[in-house]
Amino acid sequence: MPVLFRLPFIAIAALLTAGCLTTPPSTLFKLSRLSPLEADPATIRLAARLPEPLRIRDGDIRLRISFDGGTGATRLVEEYGAMIVRAPAGTRGIGEGAPGERTYVAALTEDDAASLADVQRRILAWRAAGIEGQGQLSVTATACADGPVPGGPIPLTTWMRTEPDEPFFVLARNVDLRRQIDSGSIGQVGSCEAG
């Protein structure tokens, strides 16, 4: 779906899908106020909920940041695979899932959080030097299956949180992965054992 915001730094919520808008208006407002260059990478959390038998593994939820200041010296692209972390049931903004659903929360590793903080400093320094450029922040997710994937819709809901004392906010709600698979927008969901 990507959701694009024409801001000094563009935030994109692109989760396995393309071309479908499933982002609530409240999220559009939240993302319009989000400053990717000010968020503490160590506190960023990403979450996804899928029906069984689909499963998300370490590295399946990815955070990507890019910046193009117009020259090779002011251009960068970095991508980080977030690691699954424990989260209490009923986590603020996510709540309980329905029976047969799996919810995953992921965070950057210490090394990746430090790398992202360095990227933020570099971009802020370029901005301070008068280089406006264009930046993007995106979140993507992939999954595998523990068993045969049933027919019918495969709903995916995703969330993000940038501050530890704030609730998660929805990035995409009930995106039907089946439509994306059938249309060829994404590949078939593979077996977890094969990965």
Protein backbone atom coordinates (compact mmCIF):
# COMPACT_ATOMS: atom_id res chain seq x y z
CA MET A 1 0.00 0.00 0.00
CA PRO A 2 2.47 2.60 0.17
CA VAL A 3 1.29 5.56 2.22
CA LEU A 4 3.31 8.63 1.23
CA PHE A 5 3.57 11.95 3.04
CA ARG A 6 4.92 15.06 1.34
CA LEU A 7 6.96 16.31 4.26
CA PRO A 8 10.61 17.30 4.67
CA PHE A 9 11.06 13.61 5.48
CA ILE A 10 8.64 11.17 3.90
CA ALA A 11 7.24 8.37 6.05
CA ILE A 12 6.09 5.26 4.23
CA ALA A 13 4.12 2.42 5.75
CA ALA A 14 4.57 -0.32 3.16
CA LEU A 15 3.72 -3.73 4.51
CA LEU A 16 3.86 -6.59 2.04
CA THR A 17 1.37 -4.87 -0.22
CA ALA A 18 1.22 -2.27 -2.93
CA GLY A 19 -1.57 -0.09 -4.17
CA CYS A 20 -4.19 -0.49 -1.43
CA LEU A 21 -4.94 2.14 1.18
CA THR A 22 -5.76 0.45 4.48
CA THR A 23 -4.30 3.05 6.81
CA PRO A 24 -6.77 4.70 9.21
CA PRO A 25 -7.07 8.53 9.10
CA SER A 26 -5.79 8.70 12.69
CA THR A 27 -2.58 7.01 11.53
CA LEU A 28 -2.17 9.44 8.64
CA PHE A 29 -2.29 12.25 11.19
CA LYS A 30 0.17 10.45 13.49
CA LEU A 31 2.60 9.77 10.64
CA SER A 32 2.37 13.37 9.46
CA ARG A 33 3.64 14.45 12.89
CA LEU A 34 6.31 11.75 13.14
CA SER A 35 9.90 12.96 12.84
CA PRO A 36 12.07 9.97 11.87
CA LEU A 37 15.18 12.05 12.53
CA GLU A 38 14.23 12.69 16.17
CA ALA A 39 12.93 9.26 17.21
CA ASP A 40 15.23 7.28 19.50
CA PRO A 41 16.10 4.13 17.52
CA ALA A 42 16.40 2.11 20.73
CA THR A 43 12.73 2.76 21.58
CA ILE A 44 11.22 2.12 18.14
CA ARG A 45 8.96 -0.94 18.13
CA LEU A 46 7.18 -2.54 15.19
CA ALA A 47 4.36 -5.06 15.46
CA ALA A 48 2.37 -7.35 13.17
CA ARG A 49 -0.57 -9.70 13.60
CA LEU A 50 -1.28 -12.61 11.27
CA PRO A 51 -3.52 -15.68 11.42
CA GLU A 52 -2.06 -19.11 12.07
CA PRO A 53 -0.25 -20.92 10.55
CA LEU A 54 1.68 -17.83 9.40
CA ARG A 55 4.70 -16.84 11.46
CA ILE A 56 7.12 -13.91 11.55
CA ARG A 57 10.75 -14.64 12.37
CA ASP A 58 13.71 -12.49 13.44
CA GLY A 59 14.54 -10.17 10.57
CA ASP A 60 11.16 -10.57 8.83
CA ILE A 61 10.05 -7.07 9.89
CA ARG A 62 12.41 -4.54 8.29
CA LEU A 63 12.96 -0.83 8.79
CA ARG A 64 14.51 1.08 5.86
CA ILE A 65 15.73 4.70 5.84
CA SER A 66 17.03 6.53 2.81
CA PHE A 67 18.11 10.05 1.96
CA ASP A 68 19.05 11.68 -1.33
CA GLY A 69 20.76 15.04 -1.04
CA GLY A 70 21.61 15.21 -4.74
CA THR A 71 25.20 13.95 -4.63
CA GLY A 72 26.95 10.66 -3.96
CA ALA A 73 28.35 12.12 -0.74
CA THR A 74 24.86 13.04 0.51
CA ARG A 75 23.03 9.87 -0.48
CA LEU A 76 22.40 6.82 1.71
CA VAL A 77 20.18 3.79 2.11
CA GLU A 78 20.18 1.64 5.25
CA GLU A 79 17.92 -1.29 6.11
CA TYR A 80 17.58 -3.14 9.40
CA GLY A 81 15.94 -6.48 10.21
CA ALA A 82 14.16 -6.12 13.56
CA MET A 83 14.33 -8.91 16.14
CA ILE A 84 11.22 -10.35 17.76
CA VAL A 85 10.88 -9.30 21.42
CA ARG A 86 8.52 -10.30 24.20
CA ALA A 87 5.55 -8.02 24.66
CA PRO A 88 2.86 -8.34 27.30
CA ALA A 89 -0.63 -9.36 26.22
CA GLY A 90 -2.84 -6.33 25.79
CA THR A 91 0.09 -4.06 24.85
CA ARG A 92 -1.24 -0.48 24.61
CA GLY A 93 -2.54 0.24 21.15
CA ILE A 94 -2.47 -3.41 20.07
CA GLY A 95 -4.74 -5.22 22.50
CA GLU A 96 -5.67 -8.88 22.44
CA GLY A 97 -5.85 -10.80 19.19
CA ALA A 98 -8.61 -13.20 18.24
CA PRO A 99 -8.17 -16.96 18.73
CA GLY A 100 -5.94 -18.34 15.99
CA GLU A 101 -4.00 -15.10 15.51
CA ARG A 102 -0.34 -14.47 16.29
CA THR A 103 0.99 -11.05 17.28
CA TYR A 104 4.68 -10.17 17.03
CA VAL A 105 6.57 -7.16 18.37
CA ALA A 106 10.05 -6.42 17.05
CA ALA A 107 12.90 -4.04 17.93
CA LEU A 108 16.24 -3.09 16.44
CA THR A 109 19.35 -4.73 17.86
CA GLU A 110 21.74 -2.53 19.83
CA ASP A 111 24.12 -2.37 16.87
CA ASP A 112 21.33 -1.49 14.42
CA ALA A 113 19.92 1.15 16.79
CA ALA A 114 23.40 2.71 17.03
CA SER A 115 23.75 2.60 13.24
CA LEU A 116 20.35 4.26 12.75
CA ALA A 117 21.28 6.96 15.30
CA ASP A 118 24.44 7.64 13.26
CA VAL A 119 22.35 7.88 10.07
CA GLN A 120 20.02 10.36 11.80
CA ARG A 121 23.03 12.51 12.85
CA ARG A 122 24.43 12.47 9.31
CA ILE A 123 21.14 13.54 7.76
CA LEU A 124 20.62 16.26 10.39
CA ALA A 125 24.15 17.55 9.68
CA TRP A 126 23.40 17.69 5.96
CA ARG A 127 20.18 19.56 6.68
CA ALA A 128 22.06 22.00 8.93
CA ALA A 129 24.46 22.60 6.04
CA GLY A 130 21.52 23.63 3.85
CA ILE A 131 21.02 20.34 1.98
CA GLU A 132 17.25 19.83 1.87
CA GLY A 133 17.18 16.53 -0.02
CA GLN A 134 14.45 13.93 0.20
CA GLY A 135 14.20 11.17 2.79
CA GLN A 136 12.04 8.12 3.27
CA LEU A 137 11.31 5.79 6.15
CA SER A 138 9.57 2.50 5.36
CA VAL A 139 8.52 -0.62 7.22
CA THR A 140 8.08 -3.96 5.44
CA ALA A 141 7.22 -7.43 6.64
CA THR A 142 7.40 -10.97 5.31
CA ALA A 143 6.17 -14.25 6.80
CA CYS A 144 6.49 -17.99 6.51
CA ALA A 145 3.97 -20.77 7.23
CA ASP A 146 4.13 -23.56 9.83
CA GLY A 147 1.56 -25.56 7.85
CA PRO A 148 -0.73 -25.39 4.82
CA VAL A 149 -2.06 -21.87 4.24
CA PRO A 150 -5.88 -22.04 4.17
CA GLY A 151 -7.88 -20.52 1.34
CA GLY A 152 -9.69 -17.22 1.70
CA PRO A 153 -8.53 -13.86 3.03
CA ILE A 154 -5.26 -13.64 5.01
CA PRO A 155 -5.56 -10.49 7.16
CA LEU A 156 -2.40 -8.64 8.25
CA THR A 157 -2.45 -5.74 10.71
CA THR A 158 0.69 -3.77 11.56
CA TRP A 159 1.62 -1.18 14.19
CA MET A 160 4.51 1.10 15.14
CA ARG A 161 5.61 2.91 18.29
CA THR A 162 8.42 5.46 18.55
CA GLU A 163 8.20 6.35 22.27
CA PRO A 164 8.13 3.79 25.10
CA ASP A 165 5.38 5.63 27.01
CA GLU A 166 3.09 5.95 23.98
CA PRO A 167 0.66 3.35 22.64
CA PHE A 168 1.28 1.63 19.33
CA PHE A 169 -0.56 3.11 16.34
CA VAL A 170 -1.91 1.18 13.37
CA LEU A 171 0.04 1.37 10.13
CA ALA A 172 -2.22 -0.95 8.13
CA ARG A 173 -5.36 -2.78 9.24
CA ASN A 174 -6.52 -6.13 7.86
CA VAL A 175 -4.59 -5.98 4.61
CA ASP A 176 -5.62 -9.10 2.65
CA LEU A 177 -2.40 -10.87 1.74
CA ARG A 178 -4.36 -13.37 -0.36
CA ARG A 179 -5.18 -10.61 -2.86
CA GLN A 180 -1.53 -9.62 -3.04
CA ILE A 181 -0.46 -13.24 -3.58
CA ASP A 182 -3.13 -13.83 -6.22
CA SER A 183 -2.26 -10.61 -8.06
CA GLY A 184 1.44 -11.42 -8.01
CA SER A 185 2.27 -8.29 -5.96
CA ILE A 186 4.11 -10.55 -3.51
CA GLY A 187 5.38 -14.11 -3.77
CA GLN A 188 3.77 -17.18 -2.33
CA VAL A 189 4.20 -17.67 1.42
CA GLY A 190 6.89 -20.31 1.90
CA SER A 191 7.35 -22.94 4.59
CA CYS A 192 9.13 -21.90 7.78
CA GLU A 193 11.09 -25.15 7.60
CA ALA A 194 12.49 -24.19 4.19
CA GLY A 195 13.95 -20.95 5.57
